[in-house]
Every structure is written in structure tokens, then in C-alpha cells.
Amino acid sequence: MRSAGEYPERDPRNRRGAEPLERVMKGLGVVLFAGLAAAALTGCGGDNTTTFVLDSGSPSASGASPKASPSTGASAAPTASSLPTTAATPIAGGLKIIIDSPDASTTINSPVQVSGTASVDKGTVVAVVLDGAGNELGRGTATASAAKPDYGHYDVTVSFSGAVSGTKGQIKVFGVSPRDGTTPTSYYFISVRFS
């Protein structure tokens, strides 16, 4: 049998054989610690997207307090500059505009709240209520939360008159041409019934 001096790599007094392994283990520990610290710091940045929720029943984000008295009896519609600039999910089937609410075949009365998703020039959405013969009974305009090529949400109130109770009609929404501001570009419609 050999003595401890005959196996220098196993001799506790001679640690040269163990040094490379210790260095590797220390280096691995440092790299692991640095990686975990970097992952933790990356997670601290959070999500850099913002989701806006418009609630007409709450005070505006511009600092108006609920105690402030309104200057008029009706609330003003939001302007294009006050709308969020968030995009919506693209519409399936390559459509550029749809109506999410009201549902098709719903019974409506005036005013009707129309909302949906659109990808139209300048974000301008026009909603029209038509009678069964195609005559326009009312019209409203809104600006979607994003403009073409992005998809944005829109919400428009349409007041109408002349509908005969129990008859069928349509709600039609469309974008307008940037050239003249009136020519419909993309459109979508649903059938409704008047109450």
C-alpha cells in the first residue's frame, strides 16, 4: 500500500489537485447568482403596455373631482385627443369594422349605443340607423381608439326618429375616405327591430 505522500492528489496537505474543481464550482456559483439577479431585475420592469378603461360614470382622469358641478346638463363626448391610443385585436376574416353591441336582431329604441372594433382611416367611424326601406333615421360619428392600420375600439350614440314600432331596420357602421371625409370605405351592418 502506498503512503499519503505517494498520492499527492489525495494528500490533504497538498490541495493542488482540488483547486481547479473548486474554482469551477465558485465560478458556477457566481454565474448562477448573477443570472438569477438579472432575471429578478428584468421582472421588475413590468409590462410596459397600458390598458385604458373609459367609464362614463366616474370623474375624468384630468383631475375633475366628483364635487365639481357640471357646466351643462349633458356630458360632452370625448374628443379625439382624450381617447386612449391602444390598439384592439384584429378582426377575424379580414374584416375592417364590426359591431359588438347591440347584438343582431335586438329590439332597439332611441338613442342606441353602438360599439365595436374598427381599422379605418383616421379612426373615424360613422354609425347610421336605417328603416326597412333603407331610409336614414339617425346618424352618429365617433373616433376609434386607434386608426388604420391598427384596430381600435369605438363607441357611438345614435339618436334617431321616425321608426315604426315592431318593424325591422338596420344599424350600419363604416369608415370614411380620407379624400372627402364622406365616401364609405369599409362597412358592416346588422338587422334590428324597433321597439
N, C-alpha and C. Protein backbone atom coordinates (compact mmCIF):
# COMPACT_ATOMS: atom_id res chain seq x y z
N MET A 1 0.82 -1.17 0.00
CA MET A 1 0.00 0.00 0.00
C MET A 1 0.86 1.24 0.00
N ARG A 2 0.36 2.25 -0.63
CA ARG A 2 1.13 3.48 -0.74
C ARG A 2 0.81 4.38 0.43
N SER A 3 1.75 5.20 0.77
CA SER A 3 1.51 6.16 1.84
C SER A 3 0.89 7.42 1.25
N ALA A 4 0.44 8.34 2.11
CA ALA A 4 -0.18 9.58 1.66
C ALA A 4 0.72 10.37 0.76
N GLY A 5 2.01 10.27 0.92
CA GLY A 5 2.95 11.00 0.08
C GLY A 5 3.03 10.46 -1.31
N GLU A 6 2.62 9.19 -1.51
CA GLU A 6 2.69 8.59 -2.82
C GLU A 6 1.50 9.00 -3.70
N TYR A 7 0.41 9.50 -3.11
CA TYR A 7 -0.74 10.00 -3.85
C TYR A 7 -0.89 11.50 -3.57
N PRO A 8 -0.12 12.33 -4.26
CA PRO A 8 -0.14 13.77 -3.94
C PRO A 8 -1.51 14.40 -4.17
N GLU A 9 -2.31 13.89 -5.09
CA GLU A 9 -3.62 14.49 -5.34
C GLU A 9 -4.61 14.21 -4.22
N ARG A 10 -4.38 13.17 -3.40
CA ARG A 10 -5.25 12.84 -2.30
C ARG A 10 -4.72 13.33 -0.96
N ASP A 11 -3.57 13.78 -0.94
CA ASP A 11 -2.96 14.23 0.32
C ASP A 11 -3.62 15.51 0.79
N PRO A 12 -4.21 15.52 2.01
CA PRO A 12 -4.87 16.73 2.49
C PRO A 12 -3.93 17.90 2.63
N ARG A 13 -2.66 17.66 2.70
CA ARG A 13 -1.70 18.77 2.81
C ARG A 13 -1.39 19.37 1.45
N ASN A 14 -1.69 18.64 0.38
CA ASN A 14 -1.43 19.13 -0.96
C ASN A 14 -2.78 19.28 -1.67
N ARG A 15 -3.26 20.48 -1.83
CA ARG A 15 -4.60 20.72 -2.37
C ARG A 15 -4.55 21.12 -3.84
N ARG A 16 -3.43 20.97 -4.49
CA ARG A 16 -3.31 21.37 -5.89
C ARG A 16 -4.30 20.61 -6.77
N GLY A 17 -4.52 19.35 -6.52
CA GLY A 17 -5.42 18.56 -7.34
C GLY A 17 -6.87 19.02 -7.21
N ALA A 18 -7.26 19.64 -6.10
CA ALA A 18 -8.63 20.06 -5.87
C ALA A 18 -8.89 21.49 -6.32
N GLU A 19 -7.88 22.29 -6.50
CA GLU A 19 -8.06 23.71 -6.84
C GLU A 19 -8.84 23.95 -8.12
N PRO A 20 -8.57 23.28 -9.21
CA PRO A 20 -9.35 23.55 -10.42
C PRO A 20 -10.84 23.26 -10.22
N LEU A 21 -11.20 22.21 -9.52
CA LEU A 21 -12.59 21.89 -9.27
C LEU A 21 -13.24 22.96 -8.39
N GLU A 22 -12.55 23.43 -7.38
CA GLU A 22 -13.08 24.49 -6.51
C GLU A 22 -13.30 25.77 -7.30
N ARG A 23 -12.37 26.10 -8.17
CA ARG A 23 -12.52 27.31 -8.99
C ARG A 23 -13.73 27.20 -9.91
N VAL A 24 -13.93 26.03 -10.50
CA VAL A 24 -15.08 25.82 -11.38
C VAL A 24 -16.37 25.97 -10.58
N MET A 25 -16.43 25.37 -9.40
CA MET A 25 -17.63 25.44 -8.58
C MET A 25 -17.91 26.87 -8.12
N LYS A 26 -16.86 27.61 -7.73
CA LYS A 26 -17.05 29.01 -7.34
C LYS A 26 -17.53 29.83 -8.53
N GLY A 27 -16.93 29.60 -9.69
CA GLY A 27 -17.33 30.32 -10.89
C GLY A 27 -18.76 30.01 -11.28
N LEU A 28 -19.17 28.75 -11.14
CA LEU A 28 -20.54 28.36 -11.43
C LEU A 28 -21.51 29.04 -10.47
N GLY A 29 -21.12 29.12 -9.20
CA GLY A 29 -21.97 29.80 -8.20
C GLY A 29 -22.13 31.27 -8.52
N VAL A 30 -21.06 31.93 -8.93
CA VAL A 30 -21.12 33.35 -9.27
C VAL A 30 -22.00 33.57 -10.50
N VAL A 31 -21.85 32.74 -11.51
CA VAL A 31 -22.65 32.86 -12.73
C VAL A 31 -24.13 32.60 -12.42
N LEU A 32 -24.41 31.59 -11.62
CA LEU A 32 -25.79 31.28 -11.25
C LEU A 32 -26.41 32.44 -10.47
N PHE A 33 -25.67 32.98 -9.52
CA PHE A 33 -26.17 34.12 -8.74
C PHE A 33 -26.42 35.33 -9.65
N ALA A 34 -25.50 35.62 -10.56
CA ALA A 34 -25.66 36.77 -11.46
C ALA A 34 -26.86 36.56 -12.39
N GLY A 35 -27.06 35.34 -12.86
CA GLY A 35 -28.20 35.05 -13.72
C GLY A 35 -29.53 35.22 -13.01
N LEU A 36 -29.60 34.73 -11.78
CA LEU A 36 -30.83 34.90 -11.00
C LEU A 36 -31.10 36.37 -10.69
N ALA A 37 -30.06 37.11 -10.37
CA ALA A 37 -30.22 38.54 -10.09
C ALA A 37 -30.70 39.28 -11.35
N ALA A 38 -30.13 38.94 -12.50
CA ALA A 38 -30.56 39.59 -13.74
C ALA A 38 -32.01 39.24 -14.07
N ALA A 39 -32.41 37.99 -13.86
CA ALA A 39 -33.79 37.60 -14.12
C ALA A 39 -34.76 38.32 -13.19
N ALA A 40 -34.37 38.47 -11.94
CA ALA A 40 -35.23 39.18 -10.98
C ALA A 40 -35.37 40.65 -11.37
N LEU A 41 -34.28 41.27 -11.78
CA LEU A 41 -34.35 42.68 -12.16
C LEU A 41 -35.12 42.88 -13.45
N THR A 42 -35.04 41.93 -14.36
CA THR A 42 -35.81 42.03 -15.60
C THR A 42 -37.30 41.99 -15.29
N GLY A 43 -37.70 41.17 -14.37
CA GLY A 43 -39.10 41.08 -13.99
C GLY A 43 -39.61 42.33 -13.30
N CYS A 44 -38.73 43.12 -12.72
CA CYS A 44 -39.15 44.34 -12.02
C CYS A 44 -39.63 45.41 -12.98
N GLY A 45 -39.23 45.34 -14.24
CA GLY A 45 -39.64 46.36 -15.20
C GLY A 45 -41.12 46.30 -15.49
N GLY A 46 -41.70 45.14 -15.38
CA GLY A 46 -43.14 45.01 -15.56
C GLY A 46 -43.55 45.13 -17.02
N ASP A 47 -44.81 45.19 -17.20
CA ASP A 47 -45.43 45.29 -18.51
C ASP A 47 -45.44 46.75 -18.91
N ASN A 48 -44.90 47.07 -20.08
CA ASN A 48 -44.87 48.47 -20.47
C ASN A 48 -46.02 48.84 -21.41
N THR A 49 -47.10 48.06 -21.35
CA THR A 49 -48.31 48.44 -22.09
C THR A 49 -49.32 48.98 -21.10
N THR A 50 -50.19 49.81 -21.56
CA THR A 50 -51.20 50.42 -20.70
C THR A 50 -52.57 50.10 -21.25
N THR A 51 -53.45 49.70 -20.37
CA THR A 51 -54.83 49.42 -20.76
C THR A 51 -55.70 50.52 -20.18
N PHE A 52 -56.49 51.17 -21.02
CA PHE A 52 -57.37 52.23 -20.58
C PHE A 52 -58.79 51.69 -20.50
N VAL A 53 -59.50 52.11 -19.50
CA VAL A 53 -60.90 51.77 -19.37
C VAL A 53 -61.67 53.07 -19.26
N LEU A 54 -62.57 53.30 -20.21
CA LEU A 54 -63.37 54.50 -20.17
C LEU A 54 -64.67 54.20 -19.44
N ASP A 55 -64.94 54.92 -18.37
CA ASP A 55 -66.15 54.73 -17.59
C ASP A 55 -66.84 56.07 -17.50
N SER A 56 -67.97 56.19 -18.16
CA SER A 56 -68.66 57.47 -18.19
C SER A 56 -69.25 57.84 -16.84
N GLY A 57 -69.31 56.89 -15.90
CA GLY A 57 -69.89 57.17 -14.61
C GLY A 57 -68.90 57.69 -13.59
N SER A 58 -67.63 57.75 -13.93
CA SER A 58 -66.63 58.20 -12.96
C SER A 58 -66.05 59.53 -13.39
N PRO A 59 -65.41 60.26 -12.44
CA PRO A 59 -64.79 61.53 -12.80
C PRO A 59 -63.71 61.32 -13.85
N SER A 60 -63.47 62.33 -14.64
CA SER A 60 -62.47 62.18 -15.70
C SER A 60 -61.08 62.15 -15.10
N ALA A 61 -60.14 61.58 -15.87
CA ALA A 61 -58.77 61.46 -15.41
C ALA A 61 -58.05 62.80 -15.40
N SER A 62 -58.66 63.85 -15.90
CA SER A 62 -57.99 65.13 -15.97
C SER A 62 -58.00 65.86 -14.64
N GLY A 63 -58.50 65.23 -13.61
CA GLY A 63 -58.42 65.83 -12.29
C GLY A 63 -59.73 66.41 -11.81
N ALA A 64 -60.82 66.23 -12.53
CA ALA A 64 -62.10 66.76 -12.07
C ALA A 64 -62.54 65.98 -10.85
N SER A 65 -62.97 66.66 -9.83
CA SER A 65 -63.41 65.98 -8.63
C SER A 65 -64.89 65.70 -8.74
N PRO A 66 -65.37 64.69 -7.99
CA PRO A 66 -66.79 64.37 -8.07
C PRO A 66 -67.66 65.49 -7.50
N LYS A 67 -67.07 66.41 -6.71
CA LYS A 67 -67.82 67.51 -6.12
C LYS A 67 -68.01 68.67 -7.09
N ALA A 68 -67.25 68.66 -8.19
CA ALA A 68 -67.36 69.78 -9.14
C ALA A 68 -68.72 69.76 -9.79
N SER A 69 -69.31 70.92 -9.96
CA SER A 69 -70.63 70.98 -10.58
C SER A 69 -70.48 71.07 -12.09
N PRO A 70 -71.26 70.29 -12.82
CA PRO A 70 -71.15 70.33 -14.28
C PRO A 70 -71.66 71.65 -14.82
N SER A 71 -71.06 72.08 -15.94
CA SER A 71 -71.44 73.36 -16.52
C SER A 71 -72.71 73.24 -17.35
N THR A 72 -73.00 72.03 -17.85
CA THR A 72 -74.23 71.81 -18.62
C THR A 72 -74.88 70.55 -18.13
N GLY A 73 -76.11 70.34 -18.50
CA GLY A 73 -76.84 69.16 -18.06
C GLY A 73 -76.37 67.89 -18.74
N ALA A 74 -75.84 67.96 -19.96
CA ALA A 74 -75.40 66.78 -20.68
C ALA A 74 -73.89 66.71 -20.67
N SER A 75 -73.36 65.52 -20.61
CA SER A 75 -71.91 65.40 -20.64
C SER A 75 -71.45 65.41 -22.09
N ALA A 76 -70.29 65.99 -22.32
CA ALA A 76 -69.75 66.08 -23.67
C ALA A 76 -69.08 64.77 -24.03
N ALA A 77 -69.11 64.42 -25.31
CA ALA A 77 -68.45 63.21 -25.78
C ALA A 77 -66.94 63.45 -25.74
N PRO A 78 -66.15 62.41 -25.53
CA PRO A 78 -64.71 62.59 -25.50
C PRO A 78 -64.21 63.05 -26.87
N THR A 79 -63.20 63.87 -26.85
CA THR A 79 -62.61 64.33 -28.10
C THR A 79 -61.55 63.34 -28.53
N ALA A 80 -61.11 63.44 -29.77
CA ALA A 80 -60.13 62.51 -30.30
C ALA A 80 -58.84 62.55 -29.47
N SER A 81 -58.46 63.71 -28.96
CA SER A 81 -57.22 63.80 -28.21
C SER A 81 -57.33 63.15 -26.84
N SER A 82 -58.56 62.96 -26.31
CA SER A 82 -58.69 62.36 -24.99
C SER A 82 -58.88 60.85 -25.05
N LEU A 83 -59.01 60.29 -26.24
CA LEU A 83 -59.20 58.85 -26.36
C LEU A 83 -57.88 58.12 -26.17
N PRO A 84 -57.92 56.92 -25.63
CA PRO A 84 -56.69 56.16 -25.48
C PRO A 84 -56.13 55.79 -26.84
N THR A 85 -54.84 55.57 -26.90
CA THR A 85 -54.20 55.21 -28.16
C THR A 85 -53.80 53.74 -28.14
N THR A 86 -54.65 52.91 -27.56
CA THR A 86 -54.37 51.48 -27.53
C THR A 86 -55.03 50.80 -28.70
N ALA A 87 -54.40 49.77 -29.18
CA ALA A 87 -54.95 49.03 -30.32
C ALA A 87 -55.77 47.85 -29.83
N ALA A 88 -56.71 47.42 -30.65
CA ALA A 88 -57.54 46.26 -30.35
C ALA A 88 -57.03 45.07 -31.15
N THR A 89 -57.54 43.91 -30.84
CA THR A 89 -57.19 42.69 -31.56
C THR A 89 -57.78 42.75 -32.96
N PRO A 90 -57.00 42.39 -33.99
CA PRO A 90 -57.54 42.38 -35.35
C PRO A 90 -58.78 41.49 -35.46
N ILE A 91 -59.67 41.81 -36.37
CA ILE A 91 -60.93 41.10 -36.55
C ILE A 91 -60.69 39.88 -37.42
N ALA A 92 -61.27 38.77 -37.04
CA ALA A 92 -61.14 37.53 -37.82
C ALA A 92 -61.79 37.71 -39.19
N GLY A 93 -61.28 37.01 -40.16
CA GLY A 93 -61.86 37.03 -41.50
C GLY A 93 -61.44 38.23 -42.33
N GLY A 94 -60.51 39.03 -41.84
CA GLY A 94 -60.02 40.18 -42.59
C GLY A 94 -60.96 41.36 -42.64
N LEU A 95 -62.03 41.33 -41.83
CA LEU A 95 -62.95 42.47 -41.80
C LEU A 95 -62.25 43.69 -41.19
N LYS A 96 -62.66 44.87 -41.61
CA LYS A 96 -62.06 46.10 -41.11
C LYS A 96 -62.92 46.81 -40.08
N ILE A 97 -64.17 46.40 -39.94
CA ILE A 97 -65.06 47.04 -38.97
C ILE A 97 -66.18 46.06 -38.60
N ILE A 98 -66.52 46.00 -37.31
CA ILE A 98 -67.64 45.15 -36.87
C ILE A 98 -68.41 45.87 -35.76
N ILE A 99 -69.61 45.36 -35.49
CA ILE A 99 -70.43 45.85 -34.39
C ILE A 99 -70.42 44.77 -33.31
N ASP A 100 -69.98 45.13 -32.11
CA ASP A 100 -70.01 44.21 -30.98
C ASP A 100 -71.33 44.31 -30.21
N SER A 101 -71.87 45.52 -30.16
CA SER A 101 -73.10 45.75 -29.42
C SER A 101 -73.87 46.87 -30.10
N PRO A 102 -75.17 46.77 -30.28
CA PRO A 102 -76.05 45.70 -29.83
C PRO A 102 -75.92 44.46 -30.70
N ASP A 103 -76.47 43.36 -30.22
CA ASP A 103 -76.48 42.12 -30.99
C ASP A 103 -77.48 42.22 -32.14
N ALA A 104 -77.23 41.44 -33.18
CA ALA A 104 -78.17 41.39 -34.31
C ALA A 104 -79.52 40.89 -33.82
N SER A 105 -80.57 41.37 -34.44
CA SER A 105 -81.97 41.02 -34.14
C SER A 105 -82.46 41.56 -32.80
N THR A 106 -81.68 42.44 -32.17
CA THR A 106 -82.08 43.05 -30.92
C THR A 106 -83.15 44.10 -31.18
N THR A 107 -84.03 44.30 -30.22
CA THR A 107 -85.00 45.39 -30.30
C THR A 107 -84.35 46.64 -29.73
N ILE A 108 -84.39 47.72 -30.49
CA ILE A 108 -83.72 48.96 -30.07
C ILE A 108 -84.71 50.11 -30.00
N ASN A 109 -84.32 51.14 -29.27
CA ASN A 109 -85.05 52.40 -29.27
C ASN A 109 -84.03 53.53 -29.23
N SER A 110 -84.48 54.74 -29.39
CA SER A 110 -83.58 55.89 -29.47
C SER A 110 -83.34 56.46 -28.08
N PRO A 111 -82.09 56.82 -27.79
CA PRO A 111 -80.86 56.64 -28.56
C PRO A 111 -80.31 55.22 -28.38
N VAL A 112 -79.57 54.74 -29.35
CA VAL A 112 -78.97 53.42 -29.29
C VAL A 112 -77.45 53.58 -29.17
N GLN A 113 -76.85 52.81 -28.28
CA GLN A 113 -75.40 52.81 -28.08
C GLN A 113 -74.81 51.73 -28.97
N VAL A 114 -73.91 52.10 -29.87
CA VAL A 114 -73.29 51.16 -30.80
C VAL A 114 -71.79 51.13 -30.49
N SER A 115 -71.24 49.93 -30.31
CA SER A 115 -69.81 49.81 -30.05
C SER A 115 -69.24 48.64 -30.84
N GLY A 116 -67.94 48.70 -31.07
CA GLY A 116 -67.29 47.65 -31.85
C GLY A 116 -65.82 47.91 -32.03
N THR A 117 -65.28 47.29 -33.07
CA THR A 117 -63.85 47.37 -33.39
C THR A 117 -63.72 47.78 -34.85
N ALA A 118 -62.71 48.64 -35.12
CA ALA A 118 -62.53 49.13 -36.49
C ALA A 118 -61.06 49.39 -36.80
N SER A 119 -60.72 49.26 -38.06
CA SER A 119 -59.42 49.66 -38.59
C SER A 119 -59.72 50.52 -39.81
N VAL A 120 -59.96 51.81 -39.56
CA VAL A 120 -60.36 52.73 -40.62
C VAL A 120 -59.48 53.97 -40.60
N ASP A 121 -59.48 54.69 -41.74
CA ASP A 121 -58.68 55.90 -41.88
C ASP A 121 -59.02 56.91 -40.79
N LYS A 122 -58.00 57.45 -40.15
CA LYS A 122 -58.12 58.46 -39.10
C LYS A 122 -58.98 58.00 -37.93
N GLY A 123 -59.36 56.72 -37.90
CA GLY A 123 -60.18 56.19 -36.82
C GLY A 123 -61.62 56.66 -36.83
N THR A 124 -62.04 57.34 -37.89
CA THR A 124 -63.39 57.89 -37.96
C THR A 124 -64.41 56.80 -38.29
N VAL A 125 -65.37 56.63 -37.38
CA VAL A 125 -66.43 55.63 -37.54
C VAL A 125 -67.77 56.36 -37.57
N VAL A 126 -68.60 56.04 -38.56
CA VAL A 126 -69.94 56.60 -38.66
C VAL A 126 -70.93 55.46 -38.45
N ALA A 127 -71.92 55.69 -37.59
CA ALA A 127 -72.98 54.71 -37.36
C ALA A 127 -74.30 55.32 -37.81
N VAL A 128 -75.09 54.55 -38.56
CA VAL A 128 -76.34 55.04 -39.12
C VAL A 128 -77.45 54.04 -38.78
N VAL A 129 -78.63 54.55 -38.39
CA VAL A 129 -79.81 53.71 -38.18
C VAL A 129 -80.69 53.89 -39.41
N LEU A 130 -81.06 52.76 -40.02
CA LEU A 130 -81.87 52.78 -41.24
C LEU A 130 -83.18 52.04 -41.00
N ASP A 131 -84.24 52.48 -41.66
CA ASP A 131 -85.52 51.75 -41.57
C ASP A 131 -85.48 50.60 -42.56
N GLY A 132 -86.57 49.83 -42.65
CA GLY A 132 -86.64 48.67 -43.52
C GLY A 132 -86.45 49.00 -45.00
N ALA A 133 -86.79 50.23 -45.42
CA ALA A 133 -86.64 50.64 -46.81
C ALA A 133 -85.26 51.23 -47.10
N GLY A 134 -84.39 51.32 -46.07
CA GLY A 134 -83.06 51.88 -46.26
C GLY A 134 -82.97 53.37 -46.04
N ASN A 135 -84.05 54.00 -45.55
CA ASN A 135 -84.03 55.44 -45.26
C ASN A 135 -83.30 55.70 -43.95
N GLU A 136 -82.45 56.72 -43.95
CA GLU A 136 -81.69 57.07 -42.75
C GLU A 136 -82.59 57.73 -41.72
N LEU A 137 -82.56 57.19 -40.49
CA LEU A 137 -83.35 57.72 -39.39
C LEU A 137 -82.49 58.49 -38.38
N GLY A 138 -81.20 58.23 -38.36
CA GLY A 138 -80.30 58.91 -37.44
C GLY A 138 -78.86 58.54 -37.73
N ARG A 139 -77.93 59.39 -37.28
CA ARG A 139 -76.51 59.20 -37.59
C ARG A 139 -75.67 59.70 -36.42
N GLY A 140 -74.57 59.02 -36.16
CA GLY A 140 -73.61 59.45 -35.14
C GLY A 140 -72.20 59.16 -35.62
N THR A 141 -71.23 59.92 -35.13
CA THR A 141 -69.83 59.76 -35.52
C THR A 141 -68.97 59.66 -34.27
N ALA A 142 -67.94 58.83 -34.35
CA ALA A 142 -67.00 58.65 -33.24
C ALA A 142 -65.61 58.44 -33.79
N THR A 143 -64.62 58.58 -32.93
CA THR A 143 -63.24 58.28 -33.28
C THR A 143 -62.81 57.06 -32.51
N ALA A 144 -62.35 56.04 -33.22
CA ALA A 144 -61.88 54.81 -32.58
C ALA A 144 -60.59 55.09 -31.82
N SER A 145 -60.24 54.17 -30.90
CA SER A 145 -59.04 54.36 -30.09
C SER A 145 -57.75 54.18 -30.87
N ALA A 146 -57.83 53.70 -32.10
CA ALA A 146 -56.66 53.58 -32.98
C ALA A 146 -57.13 53.73 -34.42
N ALA A 147 -56.22 54.12 -35.29
CA ALA A 147 -56.55 54.32 -36.70
C ALA A 147 -55.82 53.28 -37.55
N LYS A 148 -56.27 53.15 -38.78
CA LYS A 148 -55.70 52.23 -39.75
C LYS A 148 -54.19 52.43 -39.82
N PRO A 149 -53.37 51.44 -39.81
CA PRO A 149 -53.60 50.01 -39.99
C PRO A 149 -53.92 49.27 -38.68
N ASP A 150 -53.87 49.95 -37.53
CA ASP A 150 -54.20 49.30 -36.26
C ASP A 150 -55.71 49.18 -36.10
N TYR A 151 -56.13 48.36 -35.17
CA TYR A 151 -57.53 48.19 -34.84
C TYR A 151 -57.80 48.88 -33.52
N GLY A 152 -58.92 49.61 -33.45
CA GLY A 152 -59.28 50.32 -32.23
C GLY A 152 -60.74 50.09 -31.87
N HIS A 153 -61.07 50.38 -30.63
CA HIS A 153 -62.46 50.27 -30.16
C HIS A 153 -63.19 51.58 -30.42
N TYR A 154 -64.45 51.51 -30.75
CA TYR A 154 -65.27 52.71 -30.91
C TYR A 154 -66.55 52.55 -30.11
N ASP A 155 -67.15 53.66 -29.76
CA ASP A 155 -68.39 53.70 -29.01
C ASP A 155 -69.12 54.96 -29.44
N VAL A 156 -70.32 54.82 -30.01
CA VAL A 156 -71.05 55.97 -30.54
C VAL A 156 -72.53 55.85 -30.17
N THR A 157 -73.12 56.98 -29.81
CA THR A 157 -74.55 57.02 -29.51
C THR A 157 -75.27 57.61 -30.72
N VAL A 158 -76.32 56.92 -31.17
CA VAL A 158 -77.09 57.39 -32.33
C VAL A 158 -78.53 57.67 -31.88
N SER A 159 -78.94 58.93 -31.99
CA SER A 159 -80.34 59.29 -31.75
C SER A 159 -81.06 59.22 -33.09
N PHE A 160 -82.25 58.66 -33.09
CA PHE A 160 -82.99 58.54 -34.35
C PHE A 160 -84.48 58.76 -34.09
N SER A 161 -85.18 59.07 -35.17
CA SER A 161 -86.63 59.26 -35.08
C SER A 161 -87.27 58.78 -36.37
N GLY A 162 -88.59 58.49 -36.30
CA GLY A 162 -89.32 58.07 -37.49
C GLY A 162 -89.46 56.57 -37.62
N ALA A 163 -88.94 55.81 -36.65
CA ALA A 163 -89.05 54.35 -36.72
C ALA A 163 -90.46 53.92 -36.32
N VAL A 164 -90.98 52.94 -37.01
CA VAL A 164 -92.30 52.41 -36.70
C VAL A 164 -92.10 51.19 -35.79
N SER A 165 -92.75 51.23 -34.64
CA SER A 165 -92.61 50.17 -33.65
C SER A 165 -92.95 48.81 -34.24
N GLY A 166 -92.09 47.81 -33.96
CA GLY A 166 -92.32 46.45 -34.43
C GLY A 166 -91.74 46.15 -35.80
N THR A 167 -91.28 47.17 -36.53
CA THR A 167 -90.73 46.93 -37.86
C THR A 167 -89.24 46.66 -37.78
N LYS A 168 -88.71 46.09 -38.87
CA LYS A 168 -87.28 45.80 -38.95
C LYS A 168 -86.52 47.00 -39.48
N GLY A 169 -85.26 47.06 -39.10
CA GLY A 169 -84.37 48.09 -39.60
C GLY A 169 -82.94 47.58 -39.57
N GLN A 170 -81.98 48.49 -39.74
CA GLN A 170 -80.57 48.12 -39.73
C GLN A 170 -79.75 49.16 -38.99
N ILE A 171 -78.65 48.71 -38.42
CA ILE A 171 -77.59 49.61 -37.96
C ILE A 171 -76.41 49.32 -38.86
N LYS A 172 -75.89 50.38 -39.46
CA LYS A 172 -74.75 50.25 -40.38
C LYS A 172 -73.62 51.10 -39.83
N VAL A 173 -72.41 50.55 -39.79
CA VAL A 173 -71.23 51.32 -39.39
C VAL A 173 -70.22 51.27 -40.53
N PHE A 174 -69.48 52.36 -40.68
CA PHE A 174 -68.49 52.41 -41.75
C PHE A 174 -67.42 53.45 -41.45
N GLY A 175 -66.28 53.27 -42.13
CA GLY A 175 -65.23 54.28 -42.12
C GLY A 175 -65.46 55.19 -43.31
N VAL A 176 -64.76 56.33 -43.33
CA VAL A 176 -64.91 57.26 -44.45
C VAL A 176 -63.57 57.51 -45.12
N SER A 177 -63.64 57.81 -46.39
CA SER A 177 -62.45 58.08 -47.19
C SER A 177 -61.74 59.33 -46.68
N PRO A 178 -60.41 59.30 -46.56
CA PRO A 178 -59.69 60.50 -46.14
C PRO A 178 -59.70 61.59 -47.21
N ARG A 179 -60.04 61.24 -48.43
CA ARG A 179 -60.05 62.23 -49.52
C ARG A 179 -61.18 63.24 -49.36
N ASP A 180 -62.40 62.74 -49.10
CA ASP A 180 -63.52 63.67 -49.00
C ASP A 180 -64.23 63.62 -47.65
N GLY A 181 -63.90 62.65 -46.81
CA GLY A 181 -64.49 62.56 -45.49
C GLY A 181 -65.93 62.09 -45.47
N THR A 182 -66.47 61.67 -46.62
CA THR A 182 -67.86 61.23 -46.66
C THR A 182 -68.06 59.87 -47.32
N THR A 183 -67.23 59.51 -48.28
CA THR A 183 -67.39 58.26 -49.01
C THR A 183 -67.08 57.08 -48.10
N PRO A 184 -68.04 56.15 -47.93
CA PRO A 184 -67.78 54.98 -47.08
C PRO A 184 -66.66 54.11 -47.65
N THR A 185 -65.79 53.62 -46.75
CA THR A 185 -64.70 52.75 -47.19
C THR A 185 -64.98 51.30 -46.82
N SER A 186 -65.09 51.00 -45.56
CA SER A 186 -65.41 49.65 -45.10
C SER A 186 -66.70 49.76 -44.32
N TYR A 187 -67.59 48.77 -44.45
CA TYR A 187 -68.84 48.87 -43.71
C TYR A 187 -69.26 47.52 -43.17
N TYR A 188 -70.17 47.56 -42.21
CA TYR A 188 -70.71 46.37 -41.56
C TYR A 188 -72.10 46.74 -41.08
N PHE A 189 -73.05 45.81 -41.17
CA PHE A 189 -74.39 46.13 -40.70
C PHE A 189 -75.02 44.94 -40.01
N ILE A 190 -76.00 45.24 -39.16
CA ILE A 190 -76.80 44.21 -38.51
C ILE A 190 -78.27 44.57 -38.65
N SER A 191 -79.12 43.55 -38.63
CA SER A 191 -80.57 43.78 -38.66
C SER A 191 -81.05 43.92 -37.22
N VAL A 192 -81.97 44.86 -37.02
CA VAL A 192 -82.55 45.11 -35.70
C VAL A 192 -84.06 45.24 -35.84
N ARG A 193 -84.74 45.35 -34.72
CA ARG A 193 -86.18 45.59 -34.71
C ARG A 193 -86.42 46.79 -33.82
N PHE A 194 -87.34 47.67 -34.24
CA PHE A 194 -87.63 48.88 -33.47
C PHE A 194 -88.69 48.60 -32.41
N SER A 195 -88.48 49.14 -31.21
CA SER A 195 -89.46 48.92 -30.13
C SER A 195 -90.58 49.94 -30.20
